[in-house]
Amino acid sequence: MEKSKITLWRWVSKDHSSFQEAEQGIAKPRGGHDDPIIHNDGNTQSIFTSWTRKKEIAIIHAKMQEIILEKDFPSDENSLEMLPDEFYEEEVLVLGIVKNAKVIRL
């Protein structure tokens, strides 16, 4: 039986410190703390990268010359941290470096 998957999207602005890696399909956390709630509150110096369950949300936040990463993850992945949807972004935090994401250029 095939494992169920969840598709997530991440927008990356051209002035983001990891933009060049994102162009290669890599999402790299900034490093720092390991608290998902602190990350969700705005301190993104963490071991997570922020993704969304809704492609439309990534498109809304992305601007010209930015990119969106798309990646399928096993839905039971231990590295996924679902957050309360306080900001209506359907945010999911992914632990560690993500490689081989599909790159969508805007």
Protein backbone atom coordinates (compact mmCIF):
# COMPACT_ATOMS: atom_id res chain seq x y z
CA MET A 1 0.00 0.00 0.00
CA GLU A 2 1.35 3.40 -1.01
CA LYS A 3 1.91 5.96 1.74
CA SER A 4 -0.28 9.04 1.57
CA LYS A 5 1.48 12.27 0.71
CA ILE A 6 1.00 15.93 1.38
CA THR A 7 2.10 18.55 -1.15
CA LEU A 8 3.55 21.72 0.33
CA TRP A 9 4.62 25.02 -1.21
CA ARG A 10 7.15 27.62 -0.08
CA TRP A 11 7.64 31.09 -1.56
CA VAL A 12 11.12 32.60 -1.54
CA SER A 13 11.82 36.26 -2.23
CA LYS A 14 14.82 37.32 -4.29
CA ASP A 15 16.28 39.12 -1.24
CA HIS A 16 16.06 36.02 0.99
CA SER A 17 19.46 34.78 2.19
CA SER A 18 18.76 31.33 0.68
CA PHE A 19 17.38 32.50 -2.68
CA GLN A 20 20.24 30.98 -4.70
CA GLU A 21 19.73 27.61 -3.00
CA ALA A 22 15.99 27.87 -3.62
CA GLU A 23 16.71 28.32 -7.33
CA GLN A 24 18.29 24.85 -7.11
CA GLY A 25 15.23 23.34 -5.36
CA ILE A 26 16.74 23.53 -1.88
CA ALA A 27 15.06 24.99 1.22
CA LYS A 28 17.60 25.63 3.94
CA PRO A 29 16.68 26.78 7.45
CA ARG A 30 18.51 29.77 8.90
CA GLY A 31 19.52 27.77 11.97
CA GLY A 32 18.97 28.59 15.60
CA HIS A 33 16.18 27.61 17.98
CA ASP A 34 14.01 24.48 17.75
CA ASP A 35 10.66 25.84 18.97
CA PRO A 36 7.86 25.75 16.36
CA ILE A 37 5.70 28.23 18.29
CA ILE A 38 8.52 30.80 18.47
CA HIS A 39 9.10 30.30 14.72
CA ASN A 40 5.39 30.78 14.03
CA ASP A 41 5.43 33.98 16.13
CA GLY A 42 8.04 35.47 13.77
CA ASN A 43 11.49 34.40 14.98
CA THR A 44 12.49 32.36 11.93
CA GLN A 45 16.11 31.93 13.07
CA SER A 46 15.29 28.25 13.56
CA ILE A 47 15.88 24.71 12.36
CA PHE A 48 12.64 24.87 10.32
CA THR A 49 11.52 26.25 6.98
CA SER A 50 7.95 27.50 6.55
CA TRP A 51 5.68 25.94 3.94
CA THR A 52 1.96 26.10 3.20
CA ARG A 53 -0.63 23.47 2.31
CA LYS A 54 -2.25 25.86 -0.21
CA LYS A 55 -0.52 26.77 -3.47
CA GLU A 56 -2.75 29.87 -3.74
CA ILE A 57 -1.27 31.23 -0.52
CA ALA A 58 2.27 30.86 -1.87
CA ILE A 59 1.25 32.65 -5.07
CA ILE A 60 -0.41 35.50 -3.16
CA HIS A 61 2.73 36.08 -1.07
CA ALA A 62 5.17 35.71 -3.95
CA LYS A 63 5.99 38.72 -6.10
CA MET A 64 7.65 39.27 -9.45
CA GLN A 65 11.05 37.57 -9.79
CA GLU A 66 10.39 35.33 -6.83
CA ILE A 67 10.05 31.58 -6.84
CA ILE A 68 7.83 28.97 -5.28
CA LEU A 69 9.10 25.57 -4.24
CA GLU A 70 6.78 22.55 -4.42
CA LYS A 71 7.50 19.25 -2.72
CA ASP A 72 5.58 16.09 -1.79
CA PHE A 73 6.20 14.79 1.73
CA PRO A 74 4.89 11.59 3.32
CA SER A 75 1.90 12.71 5.40
CA ASP A 76 3.23 10.81 8.43
CA GLU A 77 6.68 12.44 8.16
CA ASN A 78 8.19 13.11 11.59
CA SER A 79 9.89 16.24 10.26
CA LEU A 80 6.57 18.04 9.62
CA GLU A 81 5.12 20.29 12.30
CA MET A 82 1.50 21.35 11.71
CA LEU A 83 0.72 24.67 13.36
CA PRO A 84 -2.44 26.37 14.52
CA ASP A 85 -3.73 28.40 11.58
CA GLU A 86 -3.62 31.76 13.39
CA PHE A 87 -2.47 33.68 10.30
CA TYR A 88 -4.65 31.80 7.78
CA GLU A 89 -1.59 30.58 5.88
CA GLU A 90 -2.10 26.85 6.54
CA GLU A 91 1.54 26.84 7.63
CA VAL A 92 3.56 23.69 8.06
CA LEU A 93 7.11 23.76 9.40
CA VAL A 94 9.60 21.35 7.89
CA LEU A 95 12.60 20.30 9.95
CA GLY A 96 16.03 20.52 8.32
CA ILE A 97 17.17 20.96 4.75
CA VAL A 98 14.78 20.04 1.93
CA LYS A 99 16.27 19.02 -1.42
CA ASN A 100 14.88 18.26 -4.86
CA ALA A 101 11.85 20.53 -4.63
CA LYS A 102 10.21 21.58 -7.88
CA VAL A 103 11.04 25.22 -8.71
CA ILE A 104 8.23 27.42 -10.06
CA ARG A 105 9.44 30.80 -11.35
CA LEU A 106 7.09 33.77 -11.36
